[in-house]
Amino acid sequence: MHEVTDEVWERVFAVNVDGMFRLTRAVIALMLGAGAGSIVNIPSEAGLRGFAAGLAYTASKHAVVGLTRSCAFMYWPSGLRFNAVAPGPVATNIEASFASELGQSRIANAMAAMPPIAQATQFAALITFLLSDDATNVNGAIVPSDGGWPSL
């Protein structure tokens, strides 16, 4: 924590929390008018535990989980549902890097136990289900899709 700059903290939260907050706020207004709707957020497994990613990233993903659950509670009487899929390692163009030697040394064991890297398409069926009418009784759920990483 002592090595995280304000610039890094603010940039990570701007992307992972502020953007999601503003988009969700805009969409909720439309869904309230329709009397129904479903949103699936993607917080990452870092939103479920506190050691597998950098401090700012992990805190921002916990914020996504909190916003998802708060919206589920606030808007279910209006017919709106909010869930999240928390993926583990996913093949993207984002590469992990650690500016902190402490962070790098602490993450080494977790990375050694990392499951195979998933493709984004592997999450499509789960997200589609959560958005569908088949999941009308699912609200406020944060569903891990992480290859069992916490169990390894």
C-alpha atoms as a PDB file:
ATOM      1  CA  MET A   1       0.000   0.000   0.000  1.00  0.00           C
ATOM      2  CA  HIS A   2       2.813   2.376   0.791  1.00  0.00           C
ATOM      3  CA  GLU A   3       4.032   2.100  -2.810  1.00  0.00           C
ATOM      4  CA  VAL A   4       0.716   2.886  -4.552  1.00  0.00           C
ATOM      5  CA  THR A   5       0.717   6.403  -5.969  1.00  0.00           C
ATOM      6  CA  ASP A   6      -2.360   8.598  -6.120  1.00  0.00           C
ATOM      7  CA  GLU A   7      -2.041   8.546  -9.913  1.00  0.00           C
ATOM      8  CA  VAL A   8      -2.230   4.744 -10.091  1.00  0.00           C
ATOM      9  CA  TRP A   9      -5.089   4.579  -7.572  1.00  0.00           C
ATOM     10  CA  GLU A  10      -7.153   7.202  -9.411  1.00  0.00           C
ATOM     11  CA  ARG A  11      -6.502   5.714 -12.865  1.00  0.00           C
ATOM     12  CA  VAL A  12      -7.502   2.199 -11.795  1.00  0.00           C
ATOM     13  CA  PHE A  13     -10.654   3.421 -10.039  1.00  0.00           C
ATOM     14  CA  ALA A  14     -11.573   5.648 -12.999  1.00  0.00           C
ATOM     15  CA  VAL A  15     -11.549   2.650 -15.319  1.00  0.00           C
ATOM     16  CA  ASN A  16     -12.871  -0.112 -13.063  1.00  0.00           C
ATOM     17  CA  VAL A  17     -15.350   1.745 -10.851  1.00  0.00           C
ATOM     18  CA  ASP A  18     -16.223   5.204 -12.158  1.00  0.00           C
ATOM     19  CA  GLY A  19     -16.925   4.001 -15.694  1.00  0.00           C
ATOM     20  CA  MET A  20     -19.075   1.109 -14.485  1.00  0.00           C
ATOM     21  CA  PHE A  21     -20.915   3.396 -12.058  1.00  0.00           C
ATOM     22  CA  ARG A  22     -21.774   5.966 -14.736  1.00  0.00           C
ATOM     23  CA  LEU A  23     -22.855   3.386 -17.302  1.00  0.00           C
ATOM     24  CA  THR A  24     -24.972   1.502 -14.757  1.00  0.00           C
ATOM     25  CA  ARG A  25     -26.614   4.714 -13.575  1.00  0.00           C
ATOM     26  CA  ALA A  26     -27.577   5.599 -17.151  1.00  0.00           C
ATOM     27  CA  VAL A  27     -28.905   2.121 -17.935  1.00  0.00           C
ATOM     28  CA  ILE A  28     -30.906   1.881 -14.694  1.00  0.00           C
ATOM     29  CA  ALA A  29     -32.928   4.918 -15.737  1.00  0.00           C
ATOM     30  CA  LEU A  30     -33.895   3.130 -18.968  1.00  0.00           C
ATOM     31  CA  MET A  31     -34.616  -0.180 -17.255  1.00  0.00           C
ATOM     32  CA  LEU A  32     -36.824   1.491 -14.637  1.00  0.00           C
ATOM     33  CA  GLY A  33     -38.916   2.872 -17.477  1.00  0.00           C
ATOM     34  CA  ALA A  34     -39.259  -0.631 -18.903  1.00  0.00           C
ATOM     35  CA  GLY A  35     -40.015  -2.189 -15.522  1.00  0.00           C
ATOM     36  CA  ALA A  36     -37.410  -4.902 -16.040  1.00  0.00           C
ATOM     37  CA  GLY A  37     -33.766  -5.446 -16.828  1.00  0.00           C
ATOM     38  CA  SER A  38     -30.623  -7.312 -15.952  1.00  0.00           C
ATOM     39  CA  ILE A  39     -26.995  -6.268 -15.636  1.00  0.00           C
ATOM     40  CA  VAL A  40     -24.000  -8.575 -15.273  1.00  0.00           C
ATOM     41  CA  ASN A  41     -20.824  -6.915 -14.047  1.00  0.00           C
ATOM     42  CA  ILE A  42     -17.355  -8.453 -14.317  1.00  0.00           C
ATOM     43  CA  PRO A  43     -15.399  -7.819 -11.121  1.00  0.00           C
ATOM     44  CA  SER A  44     -12.693 -10.514 -11.511  1.00  0.00           C
ATOM     45  CA  GLU A  45     -11.738 -13.011  -8.866  1.00  0.00           C
ATOM     46  CA  ALA A  46      -9.779 -10.185  -7.251  1.00  0.00           C
ATOM     47  CA  GLY A  47     -13.133  -8.857  -6.039  1.00  0.00           C
ATOM     48  CA  LEU A  48     -13.632 -12.015  -3.988  1.00  0.00           C
ATOM     49  CA  ARG A  49     -10.277 -12.247  -2.262  1.00  0.00           C
ATOM     50  CA  GLY A  50      -7.492  -9.894  -1.426  1.00  0.00           C
ATOM     51  CA  PHE A  51      -4.181 -11.296  -2.482  1.00  0.00           C
ATOM     52  CA  ALA A  52      -4.038 -12.199  -6.150  1.00  0.00           C
ATOM     53  CA  ALA A  53      -3.681  -8.775  -7.757  1.00  0.00           C
ATOM     54  CA  GLY A  54      -2.321  -5.323  -7.037  1.00  0.00           C
ATOM     55  CA  LEU A  55      -3.817  -3.277  -4.238  1.00  0.00           C
ATOM     56  CA  ALA A  56      -5.620  -0.660  -6.354  1.00  0.00           C
ATOM     57  CA  TYR A  57      -6.949  -3.295  -8.768  1.00  0.00           C
ATOM     58  CA  THR A  58      -8.168  -5.528  -5.941  1.00  0.00           C
ATOM     59  CA  ALA A  59      -9.843  -2.641  -4.104  1.00  0.00           C
ATOM     60  CA  SER A  60     -11.541  -1.497  -7.319  1.00  0.00           C
ATOM     61  CA  LYS A  61     -12.898  -4.979  -8.000  1.00  0.00           C
ATOM     62  CA  HIS A  62     -14.239  -5.193  -4.435  1.00  0.00           C
ATOM     63  CA  ALA A  63     -16.019  -1.905  -5.205  1.00  0.00           C
ATOM     64  CA  VAL A  64     -17.622  -3.517  -8.271  1.00  0.00           C
ATOM     65  CA  VAL A  65     -18.883  -6.371  -6.065  1.00  0.00           C
ATOM     66  CA  GLY A  66     -20.294  -3.869  -3.559  1.00  0.00           C
ATOM     67  CA  LEU A  67     -22.025  -1.808  -6.237  1.00  0.00           C
ATOM     68  CA  THR A  68     -23.488  -4.959  -7.797  1.00  0.00           C
ATOM     69  CA  ARG A  69     -24.916  -6.214  -4.517  1.00  0.00           C
ATOM     70  CA  SER A  70     -26.192  -2.777  -3.475  1.00  0.00           C
ATOM     71  CA  CYS A  71     -27.985  -2.319  -6.793  1.00  0.00           C
ATOM     72  CA  ALA A  72     -29.480  -5.821  -6.498  1.00  0.00           C
ATOM     73  CA  PHE A  73     -30.912  -4.888  -3.119  1.00  0.00           C
ATOM     74  CA  MET A  74     -32.117  -1.423  -4.094  1.00  0.00           C
ATOM     75  CA  TYR A  75     -33.749  -2.228  -7.426  1.00  0.00           C
ATOM     76  CA  TRP A  76     -35.208  -5.748  -7.123  1.00  0.00           C
ATOM     77  CA  PRO A  77     -38.651  -4.356  -6.184  1.00  0.00           C
ATOM     78  CA  SER A  78     -38.615  -2.586  -9.568  1.00  0.00           C
ATOM     79  CA  GLY A  79     -37.902  -5.791 -11.497  1.00  0.00           C
ATOM     80  CA  LEU A  80     -34.206  -5.146 -12.057  1.00  0.00           C
ATOM     81  CA  ARG A  81     -31.517  -7.762 -11.441  1.00  0.00           C
ATOM     82  CA  PHE A  82     -27.793  -7.273 -10.868  1.00  0.00           C
ATOM     83  CA  ASN A  83     -25.279 -10.106 -10.833  1.00  0.00           C
ATOM     84  CA  ALA A  84     -21.600 -10.527 -11.538  1.00  0.00           C
ATOM     85  CA  VAL A  85     -19.229 -13.084 -12.991  1.00  0.00           C
ATOM     86  CA  ALA A  86     -15.816 -13.118 -11.330  1.00  0.00           C
ATOM     87  CA  PRO A  87     -13.341 -14.689 -13.757  1.00  0.00           C
ATOM     88  CA  GLY A  88      -9.885 -15.876 -12.877  1.00  0.00           C
ATOM     89  CA  PRO A  89      -7.036 -15.558 -15.374  1.00  0.00           C
ATOM     90  CA  VAL A  90      -8.308 -14.595 -18.833  1.00  0.00           C
ATOM     91  CA  ALA A  91      -6.401 -14.243 -22.099  1.00  0.00           C
ATOM     92  CA  THR A  92      -6.460 -10.510 -22.828  1.00  0.00           C
ATOM     93  CA  ASN A  93      -4.032  -7.925 -24.088  1.00  0.00           C
ATOM     94  CA  ILE A  94      -3.379  -6.889 -20.477  1.00  0.00           C
ATOM     95  CA  GLU A  95      -0.168  -8.137 -18.950  1.00  0.00           C
ATOM     96  CA  ALA A  96       0.520  -8.319 -15.244  1.00  0.00           C
ATOM     97  CA  SER A  97       3.384  -6.217 -14.036  1.00  0.00           C
ATOM     98  CA  PHE A  98       4.485  -5.406 -10.549  1.00  0.00           C
ATOM     99  CA  ALA A  99       6.298  -2.178  -9.814  1.00  0.00           C
ATOM    100  CA  SER A 100       6.712  -3.390  -6.260  1.00  0.00           C
ATOM    101  CA  GLU A 101       9.325  -5.983  -5.345  1.00  0.00           C
ATOM    102  CA  LEU A 102       7.248  -6.768  -2.257  1.00  0.00           C
ATOM    103  CA  GLY A 103       4.168  -7.360  -4.427  1.00  0.00           C
ATOM    104  CA  GLN A 104       6.118  -9.540  -6.857  1.00  0.00           C
ATOM    105  CA  SER A 105       7.551 -11.684  -4.071  1.00  0.00           C
ATOM    106  CA  ARG A 106       4.165 -12.096  -2.367  1.00  0.00           C
ATOM    107  CA  ILE A 107       2.299 -13.074  -5.543  1.00  0.00           C
ATOM    108  CA  ALA A 108       4.798 -15.705  -6.736  1.00  0.00           C
ATOM    109  CA  ASN A 109       3.171 -18.617  -4.858  1.00  0.00           C
ATOM    110  CA  ALA A 110      -0.338 -17.710  -6.038  1.00  0.00           C
ATOM    111  CA  MET A 111       0.846 -17.469  -9.635  1.00  0.00           C
ATOM    112  CA  ALA A 112       2.474 -20.906  -9.387  1.00  0.00           C
ATOM    113  CA  ALA A 113      -0.932 -22.411  -8.530  1.00  0.00           C
ATOM    114  CA  MET A 114      -2.793 -20.490 -11.236  1.00  0.00           C
ATOM    115  CA  PRO A 115      -5.194 -22.587 -13.354  1.00  0.00           C
ATOM    116  CA  PRO A 116      -4.986 -22.517 -17.155  1.00  0.00           C
ATOM    117  CA  ILE A 117      -5.758 -19.135 -18.668  1.00  0.00           C
ATOM    118  CA  ALA A 118      -9.340 -19.039 -19.954  1.00  0.00           C
ATOM    119  CA  GLN A 119     -10.643 -17.489 -23.147  1.00  0.00           C
ATOM    120  CA  ALA A 120     -13.259 -14.746 -22.825  1.00  0.00           C
ATOM    121  CA  THR A 121     -15.704 -16.907 -24.790  1.00  0.00           C
ATOM    122  CA  GLN A 122     -15.708 -19.419 -21.916  1.00  0.00           C
ATOM    123  CA  PHE A 123     -17.726 -16.944 -19.846  1.00  0.00           C
ATOM    124  CA  ALA A 124     -20.353 -16.235 -22.502  1.00  0.00           C
ATOM    125  CA  ALA A 125     -22.803 -19.009 -21.541  1.00  0.00           C
ATOM    126  CA  LEU A 126     -22.748 -18.052 -17.862  1.00  0.00           C
ATOM    127  CA  ILE A 127     -23.265 -14.369 -18.630  1.00  0.00           C
ATOM    128  CA  THR A 128     -26.028 -15.197 -21.128  1.00  0.00           C
ATOM    129  CA  PHE A 129     -27.774 -17.320 -18.493  1.00  0.00           C
ATOM    130  CA  LEU A 130     -27.600 -14.562 -15.876  1.00  0.00           C
ATOM    131  CA  LEU A 131     -29.083 -12.081 -18.353  1.00  0.00           C
ATOM    132  CA  SER A 132     -31.856 -14.465 -19.425  1.00  0.00           C
ATOM    133  CA  ASP A 133     -35.354 -15.096 -18.120  1.00  0.00           C
ATOM    134  CA  ASP A 134     -34.076 -18.483 -16.902  1.00  0.00           C
ATOM    135  CA  ALA A 135     -32.261 -16.604 -14.128  1.00  0.00           C
ATOM    136  CA  THR A 136     -35.127 -14.461 -12.863  1.00  0.00           C
ATOM    137  CA  ASN A 137     -34.584 -15.780  -9.329  1.00  0.00           C
ATOM    138  CA  VAL A 138     -30.864 -14.957  -9.372  1.00  0.00           C
ATOM    139  CA  ASN A 139     -30.100 -11.484  -8.055  1.00  0.00           C
ATOM    140  CA  GLY A 140     -27.067 -10.171  -6.210  1.00  0.00           C
ATOM    141  CA  ALA A 141     -24.996 -13.256  -7.019  1.00  0.00           C
ATOM    142  CA  ILE A 142     -21.265 -12.996  -7.560  1.00  0.00           C
ATOM    143  CA  VAL A 143     -20.433 -16.165  -9.491  1.00  0.00           C
ATOM    144  CA  PRO A 144     -16.792 -17.245  -9.611  1.00  0.00           C
ATOM    145  CA  SER A 145     -15.569 -18.642 -12.912  1.00  0.00           C
ATOM    146  CA  ASP A 146     -11.933 -19.049 -12.028  1.00  0.00           C
ATOM    147  CA  GLY A 147     -10.981 -22.645 -12.732  1.00  0.00           C
ATOM    148  CA  GLY A 148     -11.046 -23.375  -9.013  1.00  0.00           C
ATOM    149  CA  TRP A 149      -8.076 -21.101  -8.318  1.00  0.00           C
ATOM    150  CA  PRO A 150      -8.959 -20.434  -4.654  1.00  0.00           C
ATOM    151  CA  SER A 151      -9.107 -24.206  -4.095  1.00  0.00           C
ATOM    152  CA  LEU A 152      -5.693 -24.934  -5.598  1.00  0.00           C
END
